[in-house]
Structure formats: structure tokens, C-alpha cells
Amino acid sequence: MTARLARYPRLILLVAGALAPLGFAPFYIWPALLLSIALLFIIISAAPTPRAAFWQSWWWGVGFFGAGLYWITIALTIDMARFGWMIPFALAGISGGLAFFPAIAGWVYAAFKQPNITINAFLFSFVFFASEWARSHVLTGFPWNLMGYSWGAYDESAQAASLVSVMGLSLFSWLVACGLAVLLSRRFIYPAACVAAVLALLSYGDARLQQAHCHSAASEAMRAESGADPAQSRCDSQDDKTITLRIVQANIPQSLKWDPERLRENLDLYRELTMSKGLKNADVVIWPESAFPFVVPAEATHIEPLRDLLKPDQLLITGAMIREQNPLAYTNSMLVLNHKAKIVARYDKHHLVPFGEYVPLREWLPIEKITQGSVDFKSGEYPRPIALGTSSLRANVESAAIEKSEKDWIAASATPPRDDDVRVDSDLSLKQLARNIRPLICYEVIFAQYSQGRNANDWLLNLTNDGWYGNSTGPYQHLEMARFRAIEQGVPMVRVAGTGISAVYDGYGRLQGSLPLGTQGVLDIALPAPNPQRSLYSQLSD
């Protein structure tokens, strides 16, 4: 078999790499991923030199990243006149550049491989796992489609992330896939150990979920009224401290989102959806990333167009773009407003998207960022929980927000502070005081370290806008990574996306309700209750 595969190793590995992403969301054809890794192991083990193994692994990486990240180029089609020419270069650059991580791993493996296939299986797995770890940290990091995400195919298998995180599952994935190759050599101890370990993790996952049965008729009623997806579990608080969320998904196409002639219409749509039937039952209304369509001055204390939106004791959380002067700077922010539209808390995005929100090495690269405006975004402070309940709190921040080109953007209206503004110390704030928000904007959710916290009563809130990527695999992969953060930390995840997929997961990563990709609607749902105890991984990550 090795001899036959060696005839066209690069072509075979290119195809094998392209098949591997089938193991991730939304397909979860995990045997394709295991087979792809096994082929990589077999072929580079027969490579005559480390240099040959380097290029064979590089071709596998080109297939893997090209097929797994093709959707990134869809963002360039939003403005074809400016960015259309970049599509082939972007796809080639992304897949070819990222492929150097497995390529280096292939060289290292070939340089140190041994005659014993079992030893090689361990060496191969640890070396290629190290390449995933490096990819997650080098040059700001890009931990997308780590092998461990294939374990999200089943709730039971995903629970292992509460022990070792998705990174631990990635290492285990490489080890298990090599078991297929070892089995072909008629050595059975290593493959048997892999099977036993998989069964043990599945048993752990099943036992963990069996201990987490809970039910709330109130949540079911709200879900039925809003037309949400049937849930796999009902883990809402069942006392007077239940927090009810209203998630708003306007589904405004990215091409119209910042059209100057549509800004007021876009805001009216968010208002209409927010004020639809059932608003009176909501404690917290949540809009997605950059939902508020006007630039907010950093000195603003209120957002006047939202003053009459809520009733007393309700809060609005929305994504917004903020501008500060002297010097000019913009941030992608999350704002918390009370019913008088007063800004009571704010978080500025810390981990910005290269080429999306800023251009690395701008002095040397003649490239524009793909978001509106010519000025790069400014990074906020490291994410930390937003604690609600006092009027003085201004959560995480430097001042900031997003930019505004003088011709195409309309400034937000804002008013000076008023003496009659109330404190946010209602019954709602007392309920929330013990359930702080761990804020995450857009792809910050793919970095596990930003979700960490010591308070098991917290909840994760991810505001995002996946409208750039259309009806592709990208939004599904992004959603799955958000789900894993809930499992790792053992706290609920609330994800609100402009065009979908908006979803709520409990601390076990079980779906509580969602709004599908490319749909418009409102999801009324109770915030899932905290898990009875912290996950092992969350304790170790302290």
C-alpha cells in the first residue's frame, strides 16, 4: 500500500487534506478527518528525506486550509470593485501560508522518525499537535479548525473538552488517527488502547450529561412562542432570579449594512424587532456586533435614538462603533444601556482581525482593510467580566469605537448627561450582580483564554457578524467554537449574530434555542442556570 501511495504523494495528500474539513461543522463526517490524518502519517513516513516530507505535508496543508477556509474570500465579494482582484491571491496566500505549520512538523517528524511504527505514531502526533499549538499563538494566532473540534459531532464526545479543552482533544485526535495506520501493520495494542480511551471519554461524557438533567416549563413556553428550535435540554434557573433574554437577529445583508441611505432604516428594523410581542417579559435585549448603525462619539453618555426603546429595569446590550478624537481612534465595542439609553458599561474588542480591522505592517503593505473607513481599529484592554448592578461601573475600556469616513458615515446623536438619570440598581441588576458577563466580540471566541474566569455563575456573551461569509461553512465552524467555550468553562454561552447563527448553549454545550443562518427573527429564552460545579479545565486554567 505504501508503495502505491508513494507514486503520487503530493496529489494524494492535497486531496486528503481537502477532505479533512468534512470532519468539522456542519458536516461532522469525522471518519474523513481520521482517514486524512492516517494517509498523511503513512505517506510522509515513507518519504526519502525530511525535505520531501516537508513538501508533502505542505501540500496536505494547502488542501486542508484551502477547503476549510475558502469562505474567507466571500468577504472580498462584498465590494468586488475594490477587493475582487484579491480573491485568488487571498485564498492562495492563506492556504499556502498556513500550510507551513504542518510542513515544518512533517520535516521534524521525518528527521527523527524511528523504525518502530508505534513510536512513530506518538512522535508524529505530538509534532503535528505542536504545529497546531504554534498556529494558535504565532503572529496573534489563528486557532481555527483545530482537530479537537471534530469531537463536537456528539454531545457525549464533546464533554471531554471540560477536562482537557479543545487543544487536548486535538492531540488525542492525532493519536487516534494514527491508530488506523498502526492497525494496517498488524500491531493491535496501540489501536486497542486508542479505542479504549475513546470509549472511556464517551462514557465520561454520557455520565456528565446524565447528571445534568433539568427542566423549565417557563422556558419551553417562551421558546414555543418565539418559534425557536426544540432544545436538547432545559437548564434554566427556576427561581425569581431567572434572567430572560431577547435575542434580535435582523439579517441585514452585509452589502446593505453600511449603505448611508439605509442606516436609519436598519435602525428602525432593530427597533421594530425589539418591540415586537413579548418584549415586556425580557430582562435583557441583545443586539449583535456593530448593530447600532451610527458612529458613537467616545464622550457620549447616552444614545438618544434608543431612549424610548425599553421599559424600566430592562437593559440593552448592543455592538457599536465608537470614535474618539485627539488622536483619532476607533473601536469595535459592546455597550450596555439602561432604559434611558444611558451607557452603563462598555467593552472594547481586544483581539482585532488582521486585514479585517487593521492592516499589519501597514507601512509596507499597500492593502486596504476590508471594513469601512481608512483608519485602523484600536485594540481595547484584555477581556474581563462586565459586572452589572452599579451606575458607576464602566467595564473594560479605553475610550473608542469604529470609524467613519466623512462621506459615507453618519454620526450618532448623543446628549449630555442628565440629572434625572436613574441608577441601574433594580431587581434585575441584583439578579445579574452574581452573574457577570464575560464579553467576546466576533472571533475573540475562538481563543480559549479570553473565556476564562473564576466565577461559575458568569455567562459568556459573543456578539458577532458573520454576514461577511454568506451561506458557507464559516458561520457553522464559528458557532461550534463558541459552543466549545461553554463546555470548557462550564458556563452558558449566548451568541448573537447579525445574520445568524444566533444560539444559546448551556454549560454542557447543549443547544437551548437558536435562530438559523440567513433568517430574521427574535429569540426569547431564559439564561441557562449555572452548572452545579466548575469544569476541571476551568479550574486548571486559573
Protein backbone atom coordinates (compact mmCIF):
# COMPACT_ATOMS: atom_id res chain seq x y z
CA MET A 1 0.00 0.00 0.00
CA THR A 2 2.80 2.41 0.92
CA ALA A 3 4.46 1.79 -2.44
CA ARG A 4 1.24 2.54 -4.34
CA LEU A 5 0.60 5.73 -2.36
CA ALA A 6 4.18 6.86 -2.92
CA ARG A 7 3.63 7.20 -6.68
CA TYR A 8 1.64 10.42 -6.37
CA PRO A 9 2.16 11.52 -2.78
CA ARG A 10 1.58 15.24 -3.20
CA LEU A 11 -1.62 14.86 -5.20
CA ILE A 12 -2.98 12.28 -2.79
CA LEU A 13 -2.15 14.46 0.19
CA LEU A 14 -3.68 17.55 -1.41
CA VAL A 15 -6.96 15.65 -1.87
CA ALA A 16 -6.70 14.07 1.58
CA GLY A 17 -6.17 17.49 3.16
CA ALA A 18 -9.19 18.90 1.33
CA LEU A 19 -11.36 16.06 2.68
CA ALA A 20 -10.31 16.60 6.31
CA PRO A 21 -12.58 19.66 6.98
CA LEU A 22 -15.58 17.39 6.41
CA GLY A 23 -14.95 16.29 9.97
CA PHE A 24 -15.96 19.72 11.30
CA ALA A 25 -19.27 21.60 11.44
CA PRO A 26 -21.67 21.48 9.75
CA PHE A 27 -20.87 18.00 8.32
CA TYR A 28 -19.16 16.14 11.18
CA ILE A 29 -18.02 13.34 8.89
CA TRP A 30 -15.24 12.55 11.35
CA PRO A 31 -14.04 9.36 9.58
CA ALA A 32 -12.91 11.59 6.69
CA LEU A 33 -10.71 13.55 9.10
CA LEU A 34 -9.22 10.40 10.65
CA LEU A 35 -8.53 8.88 7.24
CA SER A 36 -6.89 12.10 6.05
CA ILE A 37 -4.50 12.16 9.01
CA ALA A 38 -3.76 8.45 8.64
CA LEU A 39 -2.81 8.96 4.98
CA LEU A 40 -0.54 11.84 5.93
CA PHE A 41 1.17 9.64 8.52
CA ILE A 42 1.65 6.72 6.12
CA ILE A 43 2.95 8.77 3.20
CA ILE A 44 5.42 11.04 5.00
CA SER A 45 6.69 8.03 6.96
CA ALA A 46 7.87 6.69 3.58
CA ALA A 47 9.38 10.00 2.46
CA PRO A 48 13.04 9.53 1.45
CA THR A 49 14.21 12.77 3.11
CA PRO A 50 12.96 15.34 5.60
CA ARG A 51 12.80 17.82 2.73
CA ALA A 52 10.42 15.53 0.81
CA ALA A 53 8.28 15.14 3.95
CA PHE A 54 8.22 18.92 4.32
CA TRP A 55 6.70 19.49 0.89
CA GLN A 56 4.35 16.52 1.15
CA SER A 57 3.00 17.89 4.42
CA TRP A 58 2.79 21.35 2.86
CA TRP A 59 0.52 20.05 0.09
CA TRP A 60 -1.67 18.36 2.69
CA GLY A 61 -1.89 21.70 4.50
CA VAL A 62 -2.82 23.53 1.28
CA GLY A 63 -5.74 21.15 0.80
CA PHE A 64 -6.77 21.35 4.46
CA PHE A 65 -6.72 25.13 4.78
CA GLY A 66 -7.96 25.80 1.26
CA ALA A 67 -11.08 23.66 1.74
CA GLY A 68 -11.59 24.61 5.37
CA LEU A 69 -11.16 28.38 4.98
CA TYR A 70 -12.44 29.06 1.43
CA TRP A 71 -15.26 31.11 2.93
CA ILE A 72 -12.84 33.89 3.95
CA THR A 73 -12.73 35.01 0.31
CA ILE A 74 -16.51 35.55 0.32
CA ALA A 75 -15.88 38.70 2.37
CA LEU A 76 -13.99 40.13 -0.60
CA THR A 77 -17.07 39.79 -2.83
CA ILE A 78 -18.99 42.37 -0.76
CA ASP A 79 -17.10 45.10 -2.63
CA MET A 80 -15.92 43.44 -5.84
CA ALA A 81 -14.70 46.71 -7.32
CA ARG A 82 -12.16 47.20 -4.54
CA PHE A 83 -11.31 43.69 -3.47
CA GLY A 84 -12.38 41.25 -6.18
CA TRP A 85 -8.89 41.08 -7.64
CA MET A 86 -7.59 39.81 -4.28
CA ILE A 87 -9.70 36.64 -4.16
CA PRO A 88 -7.25 34.18 -5.81
CA PHE A 89 -4.28 35.76 -4.02
CA ALA A 90 -6.06 35.68 -0.67
CA LEU A 91 -7.01 32.01 -0.95
CA ALA A 92 -3.54 31.03 -2.16
CA GLY A 93 -1.87 33.15 0.49
CA ILE A 94 -4.00 31.90 3.38
CA SER A 95 -3.82 28.21 2.48
CA GLY A 96 -0.20 28.31 1.35
CA GLY A 97 0.96 30.37 4.31
CA LEU A 98 -0.81 28.35 7.00
CA ALA A 99 0.37 25.13 5.33
CA PHE A 100 3.90 25.88 6.52
CA PHE A 101 2.85 24.89 10.04
CA PRO A 102 2.20 21.22 9.13
CA ALA A 103 5.09 21.38 6.65
CA ILE A 104 7.58 22.17 9.42
CA ALA A 105 6.01 19.43 11.54
CA GLY A 106 6.49 16.99 8.65
CA TRP A 107 10.18 17.90 8.39
CA VAL A 108 10.73 17.46 12.13
CA TYR A 109 8.94 14.12 12.14
CA ALA A 110 10.90 12.78 9.18
CA ALA A 111 14.17 13.91 10.73
CA PHE A 112 13.57 12.00 13.96
CA LYS A 113 11.38 9.04 12.90
CA GLN A 114 12.28 5.56 14.15
CA PRO A 115 11.99 2.04 12.71
CA ASN A 116 9.16 1.25 15.16
CA ILE A 117 5.75 2.35 13.84
CA THR A 118 4.23 2.68 17.31
CA ILE A 119 6.95 5.06 18.43
CA ASN A 120 6.48 6.95 15.17
CA ALA A 121 2.75 7.26 15.82
CA PHE A 122 3.47 9.04 19.10
CA LEU A 123 6.20 11.19 17.56
CA PHE A 124 4.01 12.16 14.58
CA SER A 125 1.04 13.01 16.83
CA PHE A 126 2.99 15.21 19.24
CA VAL A 127 4.86 17.01 16.47
CA PHE A 128 1.74 17.81 14.45
CA PHE A 129 -0.14 18.75 17.60
CA ALA A 130 2.70 21.17 18.37
CA SER A 131 2.16 22.71 14.93
CA GLU A 132 -1.49 23.34 15.83
CA TRP A 133 -0.44 24.93 19.11
CA ALA A 134 2.05 27.14 17.27
CA ARG A 135 -0.59 28.17 14.74
CA SER A 136 -2.79 29.18 17.63
CA HIS A 137 -0.19 31.62 19.00
CA VAL A 138 2.24 32.81 16.31
CA LEU A 139 1.52 36.25 14.78
CA THR A 140 -1.51 36.84 17.04
CA GLY A 141 -2.67 33.25 16.46
CA PHE A 142 -5.35 31.59 14.37
CA PRO A 143 -6.75 28.52 16.20
CA TRP A 144 -9.44 27.79 13.62
CA ASN A 145 -10.48 24.21 12.77
CA LEU A 146 -8.31 22.58 15.38
CA MET A 147 -8.64 18.80 15.16
CA GLY A 148 -10.39 18.69 18.52
CA TYR A 149 -13.47 20.42 17.12
CA SER A 150 -14.39 17.20 15.31
CA TRP A 151 -15.42 15.88 18.73
CA GLY A 152 -18.39 18.25 18.60
CA ALA A 153 -20.26 15.74 16.44
CA TYR A 154 -21.98 14.38 19.57
CA ASP A 155 -22.80 15.95 22.91
CA GLU A 156 -21.24 12.99 24.70
CA SER A 157 -17.91 13.20 22.90
CA ALA A 158 -17.73 16.98 23.26
CA GLN A 159 -17.84 16.76 27.07
CA ALA A 160 -14.19 15.71 27.12
CA ALA A 161 -13.37 19.38 26.44
CA SER A 162 -14.37 20.08 30.05
CA LEU A 163 -11.35 18.00 31.07
CA VAL A 164 -8.62 18.85 28.58
CA SER A 165 -10.04 21.63 26.36
CA VAL A 166 -10.21 21.50 22.59
CA MET A 167 -6.40 21.51 22.47
CA GLY A 168 -6.25 18.29 24.46
CA LEU A 169 -8.80 16.74 22.13
CA SER A 170 -6.68 17.82 19.18
CA LEU A 171 -3.72 15.83 20.47
CA PHE A 172 -5.99 12.87 21.07
CA SER A 173 -7.35 13.16 17.51
CA TRP A 174 -3.85 12.85 16.03
CA LEU A 175 -3.14 9.84 18.24
CA VAL A 176 -6.38 8.06 17.33
CA ALA A 177 -5.98 8.68 13.60
CA CYS A 178 -2.51 7.15 13.69
CA GLY A 179 -4.10 4.07 15.21
CA LEU A 180 -5.64 3.33 11.80
CA ALA A 181 -2.20 3.21 10.20
CA VAL A 182 -0.74 1.14 13.03
CA LEU A 183 -3.60 -1.31 12.66
CA LEU A 184 -2.67 -1.87 8.99
CA SER A 185 0.77 -3.02 10.15
CA ARG A 186 -0.96 -5.71 12.22
CA ARG A 187 0.02 -4.29 15.56
CA PHE A 188 -3.00 -4.25 17.82
CA ILE A 189 -2.02 -2.92 21.23
CA TYR A 190 -1.80 0.74 20.19
CA PRO A 191 -5.13 0.73 18.24
CA ALA A 192 -6.82 -1.13 21.09
CA ALA A 193 -5.58 1.47 23.57
CA CYS A 194 -6.99 4.22 21.34
CA VAL A 195 -10.38 2.51 21.18
CA ALA A 196 -10.42 2.03 24.94
CA ALA A 197 -9.57 5.69 25.52
CA VAL A 198 -12.33 6.83 23.14
CA LEU A 199 -14.87 4.63 24.90
CA ALA A 200 -13.74 5.97 28.27
CA LEU A 201 -14.22 9.57 27.15
CA LEU A 202 -17.64 8.76 25.69
CA SER A 203 -18.63 7.12 28.97
CA TYR A 204 -17.46 10.17 30.86
CA GLY A 205 -19.48 12.42 28.56
CA ASP A 206 -22.60 10.32 28.93
CA ALA A 207 -22.27 10.26 32.73
CA ARG A 208 -21.71 14.02 32.83
CA LEU A 209 -24.85 14.68 30.83
CA GLN A 210 -26.88 12.20 32.88
CA GLN A 211 -26.11 14.27 35.96
CA ALA A 212 -27.28 17.45 34.26
CA HIS A 213 -30.97 16.78 33.68
CA CYS A 214 -33.10 19.81 34.38
CA HIS A 215 -36.29 21.26 33.06
CA SER A 216 -38.17 24.54 32.93
CA ALA A 217 -41.72 24.79 31.63
CA ALA A 218 -41.41 28.58 31.54
CA SER A 219 -38.51 28.35 29.12
CA GLU A 220 -40.43 25.92 26.92
CA ALA A 221 -43.38 28.29 26.74
CA MET A 222 -41.18 31.20 25.68
CA ARG A 223 -39.40 29.04 23.15
CA ALA A 224 -42.67 27.86 21.62
CA GLU A 225 -43.96 31.43 21.38
CA SER A 226 -40.83 32.64 19.61
CA GLY A 227 -40.71 29.67 17.22
CA ALA A 228 -37.23 28.69 18.37
CA ASP A 229 -35.59 25.35 17.77
CA PRO A 230 -36.53 22.49 20.09
CA ALA A 231 -33.93 22.25 22.82
CA GLN A 232 -32.00 19.20 23.86
CA SER A 233 -32.05 20.31 27.48
CA ARG A 234 -33.84 22.78 29.71
CA CYS A 235 -31.39 24.12 32.22
CA ASP A 236 -32.86 27.50 33.08
CA SER A 237 -32.92 28.91 36.57
CA GLN A 238 -36.20 28.03 38.23
CA ASP A 239 -36.48 30.79 40.81
CA ASP A 240 -37.13 34.51 40.92
CA LYS A 241 -33.57 35.19 39.74
CA THR A 242 -34.19 33.87 36.25
CA ILE A 243 -32.88 36.27 33.62
CA THR A 244 -34.89 36.35 30.41
CA LEU A 245 -33.07 37.26 27.22
CA ARG A 246 -34.45 38.65 23.98
CA ILE A 247 -32.02 37.98 21.12
CA VAL A 248 -32.57 40.07 17.99
CA GLN A 249 -31.31 38.87 14.60
CA ALA A 250 -32.15 41.41 11.87
CA ASN A 251 -30.44 39.55 8.99
CA ILE A 252 -29.36 42.70 7.17
CA PRO A 253 -27.11 41.77 4.21
CA GLN A 254 -23.54 42.95 4.61
CA SER A 255 -23.77 44.87 1.35
CA LEU A 256 -26.59 47.00 2.85
CA LYS A 257 -25.39 47.18 6.43
CA TRP A 258 -23.40 50.41 5.97
CA ASP A 259 -25.25 51.88 2.99
CA PRO A 260 -25.66 55.56 4.01
CA GLU A 261 -29.20 55.59 2.62
CA ARG A 262 -30.17 52.54 4.69
CA LEU A 263 -28.76 53.40 8.10
CA ARG A 264 -31.96 54.83 9.55
CA GLU A 265 -33.98 52.01 8.01
CA ASN A 266 -31.61 49.45 9.53
CA LEU A 267 -32.00 51.01 12.97
CA ASP A 268 -35.78 51.06 12.59
CA LEU A 269 -35.71 47.33 11.79
CA TYR A 270 -33.83 46.57 15.01
CA ARG A 271 -36.28 48.71 16.95
CA GLU A 272 -39.28 47.01 15.33
CA LEU A 273 -38.00 43.53 16.10
CA THR A 274 -37.07 44.50 19.64
CA MET A 275 -40.51 45.97 20.38
CA SER A 276 -42.43 43.04 18.91
CA LYS A 277 -44.74 40.88 21.00
CA GLY A 278 -43.18 39.59 24.20
CA LEU A 279 -40.78 42.44 24.96
CA LYS A 280 -42.39 43.02 28.35
CA ASN A 281 -41.11 39.63 29.53
CA ALA A 282 -37.48 40.35 28.69
CA ASP A 283 -34.86 41.44 31.18
CA VAL A 284 -32.01 41.89 28.72
CA VAL A 285 -32.31 42.65 25.00
CA ILE A 286 -29.23 41.76 22.95
CA TRP A 287 -28.27 43.05 19.50
CA PRO A 288 -25.27 41.69 17.55
CA GLU A 289 -21.86 43.12 16.73
CA SER A 290 -21.98 46.66 15.24
CA ALA A 291 -25.79 46.55 15.20
CA PHE A 292 -26.17 50.22 16.08
CA PRO A 293 -25.65 51.77 12.63
CA PHE A 294 -24.17 55.14 13.60
CA VAL A 295 -20.79 56.06 14.98
CA VAL A 296 -20.95 56.88 18.70
CA PRO A 297 -18.64 59.65 19.96
CA ALA A 298 -16.44 58.47 22.82
CA GLU A 299 -17.67 61.29 25.04
CA ALA A 300 -21.32 60.26 24.63
CA THR A 301 -23.10 59.27 27.83
CA HIS A 302 -26.39 58.38 26.11
CA ILE A 303 -27.53 57.04 22.74
CA GLU A 304 -30.51 59.27 22.13
CA PRO A 305 -32.22 57.27 19.32
CA LEU A 306 -32.68 54.38 21.78
CA ARG A 307 -34.11 56.38 24.68
CA ASP A 308 -37.73 55.20 24.32
CA LEU A 309 -36.98 51.59 23.47
CA LEU A 310 -37.12 49.83 26.84
CA LYS A 311 -39.18 49.87 30.00
CA PRO A 312 -37.66 50.42 33.45
CA ASP A 313 -35.39 47.62 34.70
CA GLN A 314 -34.65 46.39 31.19
CA LEU A 315 -31.18 46.56 29.66
CA LEU A 316 -29.98 46.63 26.06
CA ILE A 317 -26.64 45.17 25.04
CA THR A 318 -25.53 46.11 21.54
CA GLY A 319 -22.49 46.19 19.35
CA ALA A 320 -21.49 49.70 18.30
CA MET A 321 -18.69 51.62 16.66
CA ILE A 322 -17.16 54.40 18.75
CA ARG A 323 -14.93 57.28 17.73
CA GLU A 324 -12.64 59.33 19.91
CA GLN A 325 -10.67 62.41 18.96
CA ASN A 326 -7.18 63.68 19.74
CA PRO A 327 -5.86 61.40 18.45
CA LEU A 328 -8.45 59.96 16.11
CA ALA A 329 -9.19 56.35 17.08
CA TYR A 330 -11.99 53.82 16.63
CA THR A 331 -13.00 50.67 18.46
CA ASN A 332 -15.42 47.82 17.88
CA SER A 333 -17.37 47.87 21.13
CA MET A 334 -20.08 46.27 23.22
CA LEU A 335 -22.34 48.74 25.06
CA VAL A 336 -24.77 48.13 27.89
CA LEU A 337 -27.62 50.67 28.06
CA ASN A 338 -30.36 51.21 30.62
CA HIS A 339 -33.95 52.10 29.71
CA LYS A 340 -32.99 55.77 29.39
CA ALA A 341 -30.31 54.86 26.85
CA LYS A 342 -27.54 55.72 29.28
CA ILE A 343 -24.29 53.84 28.68
CA VAL A 344 -23.71 51.95 31.94
CA ALA A 345 -20.96 49.58 30.78
CA ARG A 346 -18.69 49.15 27.82
CA TYR A 347 -16.16 46.68 26.43
CA ASP A 348 -13.83 47.38 23.51
CA LYS A 349 -12.71 44.48 21.36
CA HIS A 350 -9.21 43.40 22.35
CA HIS A 351 -8.17 40.91 19.66
CA LEU A 352 -8.61 42.50 16.24
CA VAL A 353 -8.87 40.68 12.91
CA PRO A 354 -5.80 41.19 10.67
CA PHE A 355 -6.74 42.80 7.34
CA GLY A 356 -10.35 42.99 8.54
CA GLU A 357 -9.98 45.58 11.30
CA TYR A 358 -6.37 46.61 10.83
CA VAL A 359 -3.58 46.09 8.31
CA PRO A 360 -0.40 44.54 9.76
CA LEU A 361 2.80 46.23 8.60
CA ARG A 362 0.74 48.98 7.03
CA GLU A 363 3.89 50.95 6.24
CA TRP A 364 4.99 48.27 3.78
CA LEU A 365 1.77 46.61 2.62
CA PRO A 366 -0.24 48.57 0.02
CA ILE A 367 -3.51 46.89 1.10
CA GLU A 368 -6.76 48.32 2.44
CA LYS A 369 -8.66 46.70 5.27
CA ILE A 370 -11.97 45.29 4.08
CA THR A 371 -14.17 47.03 6.67
CA GLN A 372 -15.42 50.56 6.07
CA GLY A 373 -13.14 53.53 6.52
CA SER A 374 -9.43 54.03 6.06
CA VAL A 375 -8.29 54.18 9.70
CA ASP A 376 -7.35 51.01 11.59
CA PHE A 377 -9.32 50.00 14.67
CA LYS A 378 -7.82 50.41 18.11
CA SER A 379 -7.48 47.44 20.43
CA GLY A 380 -9.18 47.57 23.83
CA GLU A 381 -7.94 46.16 27.10
CA TYR A 382 -7.70 42.43 27.82
CA PRO A 383 -11.21 40.96 28.24
CA ARG A 384 -12.54 40.80 31.77
CA PRO A 385 -16.07 40.29 33.09
CA ILE A 386 -18.64 43.06 32.90
CA ALA A 387 -20.32 43.38 36.28
CA LEU A 388 -23.76 44.97 36.17
CA GLY A 389 -25.56 46.46 39.11
CA THR A 390 -23.97 49.84 39.82
CA SER A 391 -24.39 53.02 37.88
CA SER A 392 -20.73 53.93 38.30
CA LEU A 393 -19.35 50.87 36.53
CA ARG A 394 -17.86 51.47 33.07
CA ALA A 395 -16.45 47.93 32.50
CA ASN A 396 -13.35 47.29 30.40
CA VAL A 397 -12.20 50.16 28.40
CA GLU A 398 -10.19 52.63 26.84
CA SER A 399 -12.45 55.02 25.04
CA ALA A 400 -13.23 54.18 21.43
CA ALA A 401 -15.31 52.72 18.68
CA ILE A 402 -15.36 52.40 14.93
CA GLU A 403 -14.58 54.65 12.19
CA LYS A 404 -16.47 56.87 9.94
CA SER A 405 -15.48 58.03 6.52
CA GLU A 406 -16.55 61.64 6.23
CA LYS A 407 -18.64 60.99 3.16
CA ASP A 408 -20.24 57.65 3.91
CA TRP A 409 -20.90 57.60 7.65
CA ILE A 410 -23.47 59.46 9.73
CA ALA A 411 -22.59 60.42 13.28
CA ALA A 412 -24.82 59.22 16.09
CA SER A 413 -26.82 61.73 18.08
CA ALA A 414 -25.87 62.00 21.72
CA THR A 415 -26.92 64.16 24.62
CA PRO A 416 -25.04 65.40 27.68
CA PRO A 417 -25.72 63.67 31.00
CA ARG A 418 -28.96 64.49 32.77
CA ASP A 419 -29.55 64.90 36.45
CA ASP A 420 -32.65 62.72 36.32
CA ASP A 421 -30.82 59.60 35.12
CA VAL A 422 -31.51 56.63 37.38
CA ARG A 423 -29.11 54.13 38.83
CA VAL A 424 -29.16 50.60 37.41
CA ASP A 425 -29.90 49.03 40.78
CA SER A 426 -33.26 47.42 40.15
CA ASP A 427 -34.24 43.83 40.92
CA LEU A 428 -32.71 42.91 37.57
CA SER A 429 -29.33 44.33 38.45
CA LEU A 430 -29.34 42.43 41.73
CA LYS A 431 -30.01 39.23 39.82
CA GLN A 432 -27.20 39.97 37.43
CA LEU A 433 -24.72 41.07 40.03
CA ALA A 434 -23.84 37.42 40.72
CA ARG A 435 -23.90 36.51 37.01
CA ASN A 436 -21.36 38.72 35.32
CA ILE A 437 -20.87 38.75 31.57
CA ARG A 438 -17.63 37.56 30.00
CA PRO A 439 -17.68 39.62 26.79
CA LEU A 440 -16.37 38.35 23.47
CA ILE A 441 -16.69 40.16 20.15
CA CYS A 442 -16.52 38.28 16.85
CA TYR A 443 -13.60 35.90 16.58
CA GLU A 444 -12.33 36.52 20.10
CA VAL A 445 -14.47 33.49 20.89
CA ILE A 446 -12.03 31.16 19.09
CA PHE A 447 -9.32 31.97 21.68
CA ALA A 448 -9.98 29.87 24.77
CA GLN A 449 -8.03 32.17 27.11
CA TYR A 450 -10.49 35.05 26.68
CA SER A 451 -13.35 32.95 28.08
CA GLN A 452 -11.64 32.05 31.33
CA GLY A 453 -12.92 33.19 34.72
CA ARG A 454 -13.23 32.03 38.29
CA ASN A 455 -16.92 32.77 38.81
CA ALA A 456 -19.03 29.74 37.89
CA ASN A 457 -22.13 31.97 37.82
CA ASP A 458 -20.84 34.02 34.88
CA TRP A 459 -22.10 33.67 31.33
CA LEU A 460 -20.32 34.12 28.02
CA LEU A 461 -21.71 36.65 25.56
CA ASN A 462 -20.43 36.61 21.99
CA LEU A 463 -21.61 39.40 19.68
CA THR A 464 -20.63 38.71 16.09
CA ASN A 465 -21.37 39.49 12.48
CA ASP A 466 -20.88 36.54 10.12
CA GLY A 467 -22.72 38.30 7.30
CA TRP A 468 -19.36 38.67 5.54
CA TYR A 469 -19.28 34.93 4.81
CA GLY A 470 -22.73 34.24 3.37
CA ASN A 471 -24.25 30.77 3.43
CA SER A 472 -20.95 28.93 3.80
CA THR A 473 -19.34 26.60 6.32
CA GLY A 474 -17.68 29.56 8.06
CA PRO A 475 -20.59 30.58 10.34
CA TYR A 476 -21.15 26.94 11.36
CA GLN A 477 -17.50 26.46 12.25
CA HIS A 478 -17.52 29.75 14.19
CA LEU A 479 -20.62 28.67 16.10
CA GLU A 480 -19.07 25.35 17.07
CA MET A 481 -16.05 27.10 18.55
CA ALA A 482 -18.35 29.26 20.67
CA ARG A 483 -20.08 26.09 21.87
CA PHE A 484 -16.76 24.60 22.96
CA ARG A 485 -16.02 27.64 25.11
CA ALA A 486 -19.20 26.87 27.07
CA ILE A 487 -18.17 23.25 27.60
CA GLU A 488 -14.59 24.12 28.56
CA GLN A 489 -15.63 26.70 31.13
CA GLY A 490 -18.88 25.04 32.23
CA VAL A 491 -20.87 28.27 31.83
CA PRO A 492 -23.66 29.23 29.39
CA MET A 493 -22.81 30.76 26.02
CA VAL A 494 -25.10 33.31 24.40
CA ARG A 495 -24.14 34.02 20.80
CA VAL A 496 -25.88 36.82 18.89
CA ALA A 497 -25.07 37.13 15.17
CA GLY A 498 -26.31 39.74 12.72
CA THR A 499 -27.31 37.26 10.01
CA GLY A 500 -27.12 34.12 12.14
CA ILE A 501 -26.47 31.70 13.58
CA SER A 502 -27.64 33.08 16.93
CA ALA A 503 -27.77 30.45 19.64
CA VAL A 504 -27.86 29.79 23.37
CA TYR A 505 -25.97 26.86 24.92
CA ASP A 506 -25.96 25.68 28.50
CA GLY A 507 -22.73 24.95 30.36
CA TYR A 508 -22.64 21.49 28.82
CA GLY A 509 -22.76 22.81 25.27
CA ARG A 510 -26.33 21.66 24.72
CA LEU A 511 -28.47 23.78 22.46
CA GLN A 512 -31.24 25.65 24.25
CA GLY A 513 -32.55 27.65 21.29
CA SER A 514 -31.34 29.23 18.07
CA LEU A 515 -32.15 31.39 15.06
CA PRO A 516 -30.91 29.78 11.82
CA LEU A 517 -28.45 31.27 9.37
CA GLY A 518 -29.95 33.79 6.96
CA THR A 519 -33.21 34.33 8.85
CA GLN A 520 -34.77 37.31 10.60
CA GLY A 521 -36.37 36.97 13.99
CA VAL A 522 -36.38 37.21 17.74
CA LEU A 523 -35.50 34.52 20.27
CA ASP A 524 -36.93 34.87 23.79
CA ILE A 525 -35.20 32.48 26.14
CA ALA A 526 -34.18 32.20 29.78
CA LEU A 527 -30.48 32.37 30.51
CA PRO A 528 -29.43 28.81 31.38
CA ALA A 529 -28.64 28.14 35.01
CA PRO A 530 -25.03 27.80 36.14
CA ASN A 531 -23.55 24.31 36.24
CA PRO A 532 -23.50 22.77 39.73
CA GLN A 533 -19.70 22.84 39.75
CA ARG A 534 -16.84 24.22 37.71
CA SER A 535 -15.26 22.11 34.99
CA LEU A 536 -11.85 20.62 35.63
CA TYR A 537 -10.34 22.55 32.74
CA SER A 538 -11.65 25.89 34.04
CA GLN A 539 -10.04 25.18 37.40
CA LEU A 540 -6.74 24.17 35.85
CA SER A 541 -6.73 27.20 33.56
CA ASP A 542 -6.67 29.51 36.59
